[in-house]
């Protein structure tokens, strides 16, 4: 089933806000907040036809749990690329 374009646009817009929040929380070293957002990404990506964002979310959630700063940075860069390609 294909997701209607208006719903997909809202989904991408929400992920843009999630990315901005993750960057803010990373700067504030609030890794539990990143973990919460990543958990949502993990669960929603496949539903909206974007399994790659689910994978980023899964890996980001794990990195945030471990406070793995280098992995979080790398995954936020991947998240940024994903968002940029869709805007």
PDB file of N, CA and C in Angstrom:
ATOM      1  N   UNK A   1       0.841  -1.188   0.000  1.00  0.00           N
ATOM      2  CA  UNK A   1       0.000   0.000   0.000  1.00  0.00           C
ATOM      3  C   UNK A   1       0.880   1.242   0.000  1.00  0.00           C
ATOM      4  N   UNK A   2       0.582   2.152  -0.883  1.00  0.00           N
ATOM      5  CA  UNK A   2       1.357   3.379  -0.981  1.00  0.00           C
ATOM      6  C   UNK A   2       0.768   4.449  -0.067  1.00  0.00           C
ATOM      7  N   UNK A   3       1.656   5.176   0.607  1.00  0.00           N
ATOM      8  CA  UNK A   3       1.242   6.236   1.528  1.00  0.00           C
ATOM      9  C   UNK A   3       0.930   7.487   0.700  1.00  0.00           C
ATOM     10  N   UNK A   4      -0.231   8.125   0.939  1.00  0.00           N
ATOM     11  CA  UNK A   4      -0.569   9.350   0.196  1.00  0.00           C
ATOM     12  C   UNK A   4       0.508  10.426   0.365  1.00  0.00           C
ATOM     13  N   UNK A   5       0.702  11.225  -0.677  1.00  0.00           N
ATOM     14  CA  UNK A   5       1.760  12.227  -0.721  1.00  0.00           C
ATOM     15  C   UNK A   5       1.681  13.227   0.434  1.00  0.00           C
ATOM     16  N   UNK A   6       0.489  13.691   0.777  1.00  0.00           N
ATOM     17  CA  UNK A   6       0.370  14.678   1.858  1.00  0.00           C
ATOM     18  C   UNK A   6       0.791  14.075   3.204  1.00  0.00           C
ATOM     19  N   UNK A   7       0.466  12.833   3.415  1.00  0.00           N
ATOM     20  CA  UNK A   7       0.875  12.165   4.660  1.00  0.00           C
ATOM     21  C   UNK A   7       2.379  11.947   4.665  1.00  0.00           C
ATOM     22  N   UNK A   8       2.932  11.593   3.512  1.00  0.00           N
ATOM     23  CA  UNK A   8       4.373  11.386   3.417  1.00  0.00           C
ATOM     24  C   UNK A   8       5.117  12.697   3.684  1.00  0.00           C
ATOM     25  N   UNK A   9       4.609  13.801   3.159  1.00  0.00           N
ATOM     26  CA  UNK A   9       5.240  15.106   3.403  1.00  0.00           C
ATOM     27  C   UNK A   9       5.253  15.430   4.892  1.00  0.00           C
ATOM     28  N   UNK A  10       4.147  15.163   5.563  1.00  0.00           N
ATOM     29  CA  UNK A  10       4.081  15.407   7.015  1.00  0.00           C
ATOM     30  C   UNK A  10       5.058  14.498   7.757  1.00  0.00           C
ATOM     31  N   UNK A  11       5.173  13.260   7.305  1.00  0.00           N
ATOM     32  CA  UNK A  11       6.105  12.328   7.927  1.00  0.00           C
ATOM     33  C   UNK A  11       7.534  12.850   7.809  1.00  0.00           C
ATOM     34  N   UNK A  12       7.927  13.289   6.635  1.00  0.00           N
ATOM     35  CA  UNK A  12       9.272  13.819   6.412  1.00  0.00           C
ATOM     36  C   UNK A  12       9.484  15.086   7.250  1.00  0.00           C
ATOM     37  N   UNK A  13       8.474  15.935   7.317  1.00  0.00           N
ATOM     38  CA  UNK A  13       8.571  17.163   8.119  1.00  0.00           C
ATOM     39  C   UNK A  13       8.791  16.824   9.594  1.00  0.00           C
ATOM     40  N   UNK A  14       8.098  15.834  10.080  1.00  0.00           N
ATOM     41  CA  UNK A  14       8.276  15.414  11.478  1.00  0.00           C
ATOM     42  C   UNK A  14       9.674  14.848  11.711  1.00  0.00           C
ATOM     43  N   UNK A  15      10.190  14.122  10.729  1.00  0.00           N
ATOM     44  CA  UNK A  15      11.554  13.590  10.876  1.00  0.00           C
ATOM     45  C   UNK A  15      12.585  14.722  10.871  1.00  0.00           C
ATOM     46  N   UNK A  16      12.305  15.784  10.124  1.00  0.00           N
ATOM     47  CA  UNK A  16      13.188  16.952  10.142  1.00  0.00           C
ATOM     48  C   UNK A  16      13.221  17.549  11.543  1.00  0.00           C
ATOM     49  N   UNK A  17      12.070  17.648  12.171  1.00  0.00           N
ATOM     50  CA  UNK A  17      12.003  18.156  13.555  1.00  0.00           C
ATOM     51  C   UNK A  17      12.707  17.195  14.514  1.00  0.00           C
ATOM     52  N   UNK A  18      12.543  15.907  14.284  1.00  0.00           N
ATOM     53  CA  UNK A  18      13.229  14.916  15.118  1.00  0.00           C
ATOM     54  C   UNK A  18      14.747  15.060  15.004  1.00  0.00           C
ATOM     55  N   UNK A  19      15.222  15.277  13.784  1.00  0.00           N
ATOM     56  CA  UNK A  19      16.658  15.461  13.576  1.00  0.00           C
ATOM     57  C   UNK A  19      17.151  16.684  14.337  1.00  0.00           C
ATOM     58  N   UNK A  20      16.435  17.781  14.221  1.00  0.00           N
ATOM     59  CA  UNK A  20      16.821  19.003  14.927  1.00  0.00           C
ATOM     60  C   UNK A  20      16.843  18.771  16.435  1.00  0.00           C
ATOM     61  N   UNK A  21      15.856  18.047  16.930  1.00  0.00           N
ATOM     62  CA  UNK A  21      15.802  17.747  18.361  1.00  0.00           C
ATOM     63  C   UNK A  21      16.983  16.872  18.767  1.00  0.00           C
ATOM     64  N   UNK A  22      17.296  15.877  17.963  1.00  0.00           N
ATOM     65  CA  UNK A  22      18.425  14.996  18.274  1.00  0.00           C
ATOM     66  C   UNK A  22      19.734  15.775  18.328  1.00  0.00           C
ATOM     67  N   UNK A  23      19.919  16.678  17.390  1.00  0.00           N
ATOM     68  CA  UNK A  23      21.143  17.497  17.389  1.00  0.00           C
ATOM     69  C   UNK A  23      21.196  18.343  18.651  1.00  0.00           C
ATOM     70  N   UNK A  24      20.078  18.949  19.017  1.00  0.00           N
ATOM     71  CA  UNK A  24      20.022  19.743  20.241  1.00  0.00           C
ATOM     72  C   UNK A  24      20.348  18.872  21.464  1.00  0.00           C
ATOM     73  N   UNK A  25      19.702  17.725  21.555  1.00  0.00           N
ATOM     74  CA  UNK A  25      19.935  16.848  22.707  1.00  0.00           C
ATOM     75  C   UNK A  25      21.362  16.322  22.730  1.00  0.00           C
ATOM     76  N   UNK A  26      21.948  16.108  21.561  1.00  0.00           N
ATOM     77  CA  UNK A  26      23.342  15.675  21.509  1.00  0.00           C
ATOM     78  C   UNK A  26      24.240  16.769  22.095  1.00  0.00           C
ATOM     79  N   UNK A  27      23.992  18.002  21.695  1.00  0.00           N
ATOM     80  CA  UNK A  27      24.778  19.124  22.217  1.00  0.00           C
ATOM     81  C   UNK A  27      24.607  19.277  23.729  1.00  0.00           C
ATOM     82  N   UNK A  28      23.423  18.938  24.230  1.00  0.00           N
ATOM     83  CA  UNK A  28      23.124  19.037  25.658  1.00  0.00           C
ATOM     84  C   UNK A  28      23.499  17.757  26.417  1.00  0.00           C
ATOM     85  N   UNK A  29      23.958  16.759  25.684  1.00  0.00           N
ATOM     86  CA  UNK A  29      24.307  15.452  26.232  1.00  0.00           C
ATOM     87  C   UNK A  29      23.126  14.782  26.945  1.00  0.00           C
ATOM     88  N   UNK A  30      21.955  14.923  26.344  1.00  0.00           N
ATOM     89  CA  UNK A  30      20.737  14.291  26.860  1.00  0.00           C
ATOM     90  C   UNK A  30      20.453  13.056  26.006  1.00  0.00           C
ATOM     91  N   UNK A  31      21.246  12.033  26.235  1.00  0.00           N
ATOM     92  CA  UNK A  31      21.206  10.843  25.400  1.00  0.00           C
ATOM     93  C   UNK A  31      19.907  10.055  25.558  1.00  0.00           C
ATOM     94  N   UNK A  32      19.270  10.152  26.713  1.00  0.00           N
ATOM     95  CA  UNK A  32      17.997   9.443  26.890  1.00  0.00           C
ATOM     96  C   UNK A  32      16.909  10.036  25.993  1.00  0.00           C
ATOM     97  N   UNK A  33      17.001  11.326  25.706  1.00  0.00           N
ATOM     98  CA  UNK A  33      16.032  11.952  24.807  1.00  0.00           C
ATOM     99  C   UNK A  33      16.271  11.494  23.363  1.00  0.00           C
ATOM    100  N   UNK A  34      17.533  11.366  22.985  1.00  0.00           N
ATOM    101  CA  UNK A  34      17.865  10.841  21.659  1.00  0.00           C
ATOM    102  C   UNK A  34      17.337   9.417  21.539  1.00  0.00           C
ATOM    103  N   UNK A  35      17.514   8.656  22.587  1.00  0.00           N
ATOM    104  CA  UNK A  35      17.035   7.264  22.599  1.00  0.00           C
ATOM    105  C   UNK A  35      15.532   7.188  22.344  1.00  0.00           C
ATOM    106  N   UNK A  36      14.772   8.084  22.953  1.00  0.00           N
ATOM    107  CA  UNK A  36      13.310   8.097  22.775  1.00  0.00           C
ATOM    108  C   UNK A  36      12.929   8.406  21.322  1.00  0.00           C
ATOM    109  N   UNK A  37      13.580   9.405  20.757  1.00  0.00           N
ATOM    110  CA  UNK A  37      13.286   9.768  19.367  1.00  0.00           C
ATOM    111  C   UNK A  37      13.685   8.632  18.430  1.00  0.00           C
ATOM    112  N   UNK A  38      14.852   8.055  18.675  1.00  0.00           N
ATOM    113  CA  UNK A  38      15.341   6.960  17.837  1.00  0.00           C
ATOM    114  C   UNK A  38      14.388   5.770  17.885  1.00  0.00           C
ATOM    115  N   UNK A  39      13.821   5.522  19.037  1.00  0.00           N
ATOM    116  CA  UNK A  39      12.864   4.417  19.173  1.00  0.00           C
ATOM    117  C   UNK A  39      11.654   4.648  18.256  1.00  0.00           C
ATOM    118  N   UNK A  40      11.175   5.887  18.192  1.00  0.00           N
ATOM    119  CA  UNK A  40      10.056   6.220  17.293  1.00  0.00           C
ATOM    120  C   UNK A  40      10.454   6.009  15.833  1.00  0.00           C
ATOM    121  N   UNK A  41      11.678   6.428  15.490  1.00  0.00           N
ATOM    122  CA  UNK A  41      12.152   6.245  14.117  1.00  0.00           C
ATOM    123  C   UNK A  41      12.175   4.771  13.745  1.00  0.00           C
ATOM    124  N   UNK A  42      12.690   3.986  14.675  1.00  0.00           N
ATOM    125  CA  UNK A  42      12.801   2.541  14.456  1.00  0.00           C
ATOM    126  C   UNK A  42      11.438   1.940  14.139  1.00  0.00           C
ATOM    127  N   UNK A  43      10.424   2.400  14.838  1.00  0.00           N
ATOM    128  CA  UNK A  43       9.093   1.834  14.676  1.00  0.00           C
ATOM    129  C   UNK A  43       8.307   2.361  13.493  1.00  0.00           C
ATOM    130  N   UNK A  44       8.590   3.587  13.060  1.00  0.00           N
ATOM    131  CA  UNK A  44       7.737   4.199  12.038  1.00  0.00           C
ATOM    132  C   UNK A  44       8.256   4.083  10.611  1.00  0.00           C
ATOM    133  N   UNK A  45       9.532   3.945  10.438  1.00  0.00           N
ATOM    134  CA  UNK A  45      10.110   3.978   9.094  1.00  0.00           C
ATOM    135  C   UNK A  45       9.519   2.964   8.133  1.00  0.00           C
ATOM    136  N   UNK A  46       9.466   1.716   8.542  1.00  0.00           N
ATOM    137  CA  UNK A  46       8.946   0.664   7.663  1.00  0.00           C
ATOM    138  C   UNK A  46       7.478   0.899   7.328  1.00  0.00           C
ATOM    139  N   UNK A  47       6.723   1.377   8.299  1.00  0.00           N
ATOM    140  CA  UNK A  47       5.303   1.643   8.098  1.00  0.00           C
ATOM    141  C   UNK A  47       5.084   2.639   6.969  1.00  0.00           C
ATOM    142  N   UNK A  48       5.986   3.632   6.876  1.00  0.00           N
ATOM    143  CA  UNK A  48       5.858   4.674   5.865  1.00  0.00           C
ATOM    144  C   UNK A  48       6.716   4.405   4.630  1.00  0.00           C
ATOM    145  N   UNK A  49       7.210   3.178   4.503  1.00  0.00           N
ATOM    146  CA  UNK A  49       7.954   2.804   3.309  1.00  0.00           C
ATOM    147  C   UNK A  49       9.410   3.226   3.307  1.00  0.00           C
ATOM    148  N   UNK A  50       9.972   3.469   4.489  1.00  0.00           N
ATOM    149  CA  UNK A  50      11.367   3.896   4.603  1.00  0.00           C
ATOM    150  C   UNK A  50      12.111   3.016   5.605  1.00  0.00           C
ATOM    151  N   UNK A  51      12.394   1.785   5.220  1.00  0.00           N
ATOM    152  CA  UNK A  51      13.090   0.890   6.152  1.00  0.00           C
ATOM    153  C   UNK A  51      14.483   1.401   6.543  1.00  0.00           C
ATOM    154  N   UNK A  52      15.091   2.243   5.694  1.00  0.00           N
ATOM    155  CA  UNK A  52      16.411   2.772   6.020  1.00  0.00           C
ATOM    156  C   UNK A  52      16.372   3.679   7.255  1.00  0.00           C
ATOM    157  N   UNK A  53      15.283   4.420   7.460  1.00  0.00           N
ATOM    158  CA  UNK A  53      15.197   5.278   8.655  1.00  0.00           C
ATOM    159  C   UNK A  53      14.920   4.415   9.886  1.00  0.00           C
ATOM    160  N   UNK A  54      14.238   3.300   9.698  1.00  0.00           N
ATOM    161  CA  UNK A  54      14.062   2.362  10.812  1.00  0.00           C
ATOM    162  C   UNK A  54      15.412   1.813  11.258  1.00  0.00           C
ATOM    163  N   UNK A  55      16.269   1.507  10.298  1.00  0.00           N
ATOM    164  CA  UNK A  55      17.606   0.991  10.621  1.00  0.00           C
ATOM    165  C   UNK A  55      18.451   2.052  11.324  1.00  0.00           C
ATOM    166  N   UNK A  56      18.390   3.282  10.831  1.00  0.00           N
ATOM    167  CA  UNK A  56      19.110   4.375  11.499  1.00  0.00           C
ATOM    168  C   UNK A  56      18.588   4.528  12.921  1.00  0.00           C
ATOM    169  N   UNK A  57      17.273   4.484  13.078  1.00  0.00           N
ATOM    170  CA  UNK A  57      16.674   4.612  14.409  1.00  0.00           C
ATOM    171  C   UNK A  57      17.117   3.505  15.342  1.00  0.00           C
ATOM    172  N   UNK A  58      17.141   2.293  14.834  1.00  0.00           N
ATOM    173  CA  UNK A  58      17.561   1.144  15.647  1.00  0.00           C
ATOM    174  C   UNK A  58      18.997   1.328  16.135  1.00  0.00           C
ATOM    175  N   UNK A  59      19.872   1.682  15.212  1.00  0.00           N
ATOM    176  CA  UNK A  59      21.279   1.849  15.561  1.00  0.00           C
ATOM    177  C   UNK A  59      21.501   3.065  16.465  1.00  0.00           C
ATOM    178  N   UNK A  60      20.749   4.140  16.209  1.00  0.00           N
ATOM    179  CA  UNK A  60      20.862   5.350  17.026  1.00  0.00           C
ATOM    180  C   UNK A  60      20.371   5.097  18.451  1.00  0.00           C
ATOM    181  N   UNK A  61      19.305   4.344  18.568  1.00  0.00           N
ATOM    182  CA  UNK A  61      18.781   4.000  19.886  1.00  0.00           C
ATOM    183  C   UNK A  61      19.836   3.230  20.695  1.00  0.00           C
ATOM    184  N   UNK A  62      20.463   2.253  20.056  1.00  0.00           N
ATOM    185  CA  UNK A  62      21.498   1.472  20.732  1.00  0.00           C
ATOM    186  C   UNK A  62      22.693   2.317  21.122  1.00  0.00           C
ATOM    187  N   UNK A  63      23.119   3.210  20.222  1.00  0.00           N
ATOM    188  CA  UNK A  63      24.264   4.073  20.507  1.00  0.00           C
ATOM    189  C   UNK A  63      23.953   5.029  21.646  1.00  0.00           C
ATOM    190  N   UNK A  64      22.730   5.555  21.670  1.00  0.00           N
ATOM    191  CA  UNK A  64      22.342   6.475  22.746  1.00  0.00           C
ATOM    192  C   UNK A  64      22.305   5.756  24.093  1.00  0.00           C
ATOM    193  N   UNK A  65      21.825   4.512  24.102  1.00  0.00           N
ATOM    194  CA  UNK A  65      21.801   3.730  25.346  1.00  0.00           C
ATOM    195  C   UNK A  65      23.201   3.550  25.912  1.00  0.00           C
ATOM    196  N   UNK A  66      24.177   3.388  24.994  1.00  0.00           N
ATOM    197  CA  UNK A  66      25.562   3.156  25.420  1.00  0.00           C
ATOM    198  C   UNK A  66      26.366   4.445  25.544  1.00  0.00           C
ATOM    199  N   UNK A  67      25.730   5.574  25.230  1.00  0.00           N
ATOM    200  CA  UNK A  67      26.423   6.869  25.200  1.00  0.00           C
ATOM    201  C   UNK A  67      27.673   6.782  24.312  1.00  0.00           C
ATOM    202  N   UNK A  68      27.505   6.172  23.155  1.00  0.00           N
ATOM    203  CA  UNK A  68      28.585   6.007  22.181  1.00  0.00           C
ATOM    204  C   UNK A  68      28.605   7.246  21.286  1.00  0.00           C
ATOM    205  N   UNK A  69      29.348   8.242  21.701  1.00  0.00           N
ATOM    206  CA  UNK A  69      29.336   9.548  21.052  1.00  0.00           C
ATOM    207  C   UNK A  69      29.728   9.471  19.579  1.00  0.00           C
ATOM    208  N   UNK A  70      30.759   8.721  19.253  1.00  0.00           N
ATOM    209  CA  UNK A  70      31.196   8.636  17.855  1.00  0.00           C
ATOM    210  C   UNK A  70      30.117   8.003  16.969  1.00  0.00           C
ATOM    211  N   UNK A  71      29.481   6.962  17.458  1.00  0.00           N
ATOM    212  CA  UNK A  71      28.403   6.326  16.684  1.00  0.00           C
ATOM    213  C   UNK A  71      27.208   7.251  16.557  1.00  0.00           C
ATOM    214  N   UNK A  72      26.886   7.964  17.618  1.00  0.00           N
ATOM    215  CA  UNK A  72      25.759   8.908  17.555  1.00  0.00           C
ATOM    216  C   UNK A  72      26.034   9.967  16.494  1.00  0.00           C
ATOM    217  N   UNK A  73      27.248  10.529  16.482  1.00  0.00           N
ATOM    218  CA  UNK A  73      27.606  11.535  15.476  1.00  0.00           C
ATOM    219  C   UNK A  73      27.425  10.976  14.066  1.00  0.00           C
ATOM    220  N   UNK A  74      27.949   9.799  13.838  1.00  0.00           N
ATOM    221  CA  UNK A  74      27.870   9.163  12.521  1.00  0.00           C
ATOM    222  C   UNK A  74      26.417   8.944  12.108  1.00  0.00           C
ATOM    223  N   UNK A  75      25.614   8.460  13.038  1.00  0.00           N
ATOM    224  CA  UNK A  75      24.208   8.181  12.739  1.00  0.00           C
ATOM    225  C   UNK A  75      23.406   9.458  12.533  1.00  0.00           C
ATOM    226  N   UNK A  76      23.736  10.516  13.257  1.00  0.00           N
ATOM    227  CA  UNK A  76      23.059  11.798  13.029  1.00  0.00           C
ATOM    228  C   UNK A  76      23.412  12.335  11.644  1.00  0.00           C
ATOM    229  N   UNK A  77      24.626  12.109  11.194  1.00  0.00           N
ATOM    230  CA  UNK A  77      25.008  12.497   9.833  1.00  0.00           C
ATOM    231  C   UNK A  77      24.197  11.706   8.810  1.00  0.00           C
ATOM    232  N   UNK A  78      24.014  10.416   9.054  1.00  0.00           N
ATOM    233  CA  UNK A  78      23.200   9.591   8.156  1.00  0.00           C
ATOM    234  C   UNK A  78      21.744  10.050   8.163  1.00  0.00           C
ATOM    235  N   UNK A  79      21.255  10.387   9.336  1.00  0.00           N
ATOM    236  CA  UNK A  79      19.887  10.892   9.492  1.00  0.00           C
ATOM    237  C   UNK A  79      19.748  12.194   8.694  1.00  0.00           C
ATOM    238  N   UNK A  80      20.727  13.093   8.795  1.00  0.00           N
ATOM    239  CA  UNK A  80      20.713  14.346   8.051  1.00  0.00           C
ATOM    240  C   UNK A  80      20.688  14.079   6.545  1.00  0.00           C
ATOM    241  N   UNK A  81      21.507  13.169   6.086  1.00  0.00           N
ATOM    242  CA  UNK A  81      21.522  12.825   4.660  1.00  0.00           C
ATOM    243  C   UNK A  81      20.163  12.295   4.210  1.00  0.00           C
ATOM    244  N   UNK A  82      19.572  11.456   5.036  1.00  0.00           N
ATOM    245  CA  UNK A  82      18.267  10.885   4.706  1.00  0.00           C
ATOM    246  C   UNK A  82      17.233  11.995   4.556  1.00  0.00           C
ATOM    247  N   UNK A  83      17.198  12.902   5.526  1.00  0.00           N
ATOM    248  CA  UNK A  83      16.232  14.005   5.489  1.00  0.00           C
ATOM    249  C   UNK A  83      16.493  14.904   4.278  1.00  0.00           C
ATOM    250  N   UNK A  84      17.752  15.238   4.058  1.00  0.00           N
ATOM    251  CA  UNK A  84      18.118  16.137   2.961  1.00  0.00           C
ATOM    252  C   UNK A  84      17.709  15.569   1.609  1.00  0.00           C
ATOM    253  N   UNK A  85      17.844  14.280   1.433  1.00  0.00           N
ATOM    254  CA  UNK A  85      17.480  13.642   0.161  1.00  0.00           C
ATOM    255  C   UNK A  85      15.986  13.665  -0.095  1.00  0.00           C
ATOM    256  N   UNK A  86      15.209  13.883   0.934  1.00  0.00           N
ATOM    257  CA  UNK A  86      13.752  13.836   0.787  1.00  0.00           C
ATOM    258  C   UNK A  86      13.082  15.199   0.827  1.00  0.00           C
ATOM    259  N   UNK A  87      13.827  16.232   1.098  1.00  0.00           N
ATOM    260  CA  UNK A  87      13.241  17.593   1.146  1.00  0.00           C
ATOM    261  C   UNK A  87      13.402  18.315  -0.164  1.00  0.00           C
TER     262      UNK A  87
END
